[in-house]
Amino acid sequence: MNECSDVLVKIDGSCNGEGDVADDMPAHIWNLLVDYCREQLGIMQGNYHYLLLRNIEF
């Protein structure tokens, strides 16, 4: 059984690539999350997008 923790990711609302795990996460995954926020949630000033990455087994 592969057990992984859920991860809460905080991305700067300006979607410029800054966030709480930007330096810890592989760049291609981080860029995918930032692009998702930009396209689906939009750009906002002074706030953050919070993404919960869940480990779900089917």
Protein backbone atom coordinates (compact mmCIF):
# COMPACT_ATOMS: atom_id res chain seq x y z
CA MET A 1 0.00 0.00 0.00
CA ASN A 2 1.38 3.38 -1.00
CA GLU A 3 0.54 6.00 1.60
CA CYS A 4 1.01 9.70 0.93
CA SER A 5 -0.19 12.73 2.79
CA ASP A 6 -2.55 15.28 1.35
CA VAL A 7 -0.80 18.56 0.52
CA LEU A 8 -2.21 22.08 0.85
CA VAL A 9 -0.56 24.40 -1.67
CA LYS A 10 -0.75 28.19 -1.41
CA ILE A 11 -0.22 30.06 -4.71
CA ASP A 12 0.07 33.84 -4.94
CA GLY A 13 -3.12 35.24 -6.44
CA SER A 14 -1.19 37.19 -9.07
CA CYS A 15 -0.23 33.79 -10.56
CA ASN A 16 3.35 34.95 -11.13
CA GLY A 17 4.83 31.69 -9.87
CA GLU A 18 5.33 32.56 -6.20
CA GLY A 19 3.98 30.39 -3.42
CA ASP A 20 4.74 28.47 -0.28
CA VAL A 21 6.28 25.37 -1.93
CA ALA A 22 7.60 26.88 -5.16
CA ASP A 23 11.19 25.89 -4.33
CA ASP A 24 10.34 22.45 -2.93
CA MET A 25 8.12 21.08 -5.69
CA PRO A 26 9.41 19.94 -9.10
CA ALA A 27 9.19 22.90 -11.50
CA HIS A 28 7.00 21.17 -14.09
CA ILE A 29 4.36 20.30 -11.47
CA TRP A 30 4.51 23.75 -9.87
CA ASN A 31 4.08 25.43 -13.26
CA LEU A 32 1.09 23.19 -14.02
CA LEU A 33 -0.59 24.26 -10.75
CA VAL A 34 0.11 27.95 -11.38
CA ASP A 35 -1.23 27.66 -14.94
CA TYR A 36 -4.36 25.94 -13.61
CA CYS A 37 -4.98 28.78 -11.13
CA ARG A 38 -4.43 31.41 -13.80
CA GLU A 39 -6.80 29.75 -16.30
CA GLN A 40 -9.51 28.38 -14.00
CA LEU A 41 -9.52 30.66 -10.96
CA GLY A 42 -8.22 33.92 -12.40
CA ILE A 43 -5.73 36.50 -11.23
CA MET A 44 -6.41 38.45 -8.04
CA GLN A 45 -4.35 40.93 -6.07
CA GLY A 46 -3.46 40.57 -2.41
CA ASN A 47 -4.89 37.08 -1.94
CA TYR A 48 -3.85 33.49 -2.43
CA HIS A 49 -5.28 30.48 -4.21
CA TYR A 50 -5.35 27.41 -1.99
CA LEU A 51 -5.24 24.01 -3.66
CA LEU A 52 -5.70 20.78 -1.73
CA LEU A 53 -3.87 17.93 -3.47
CA ARG A 54 -5.54 14.74 -2.27
CA ASN A 55 -4.15 11.25 -2.29
CA ILE A 56 -7.19 9.22 -3.34
CA GLU A 57 -7.11 5.54 -4.17
CA PHE A 58 -9.80 4.02 -6.37
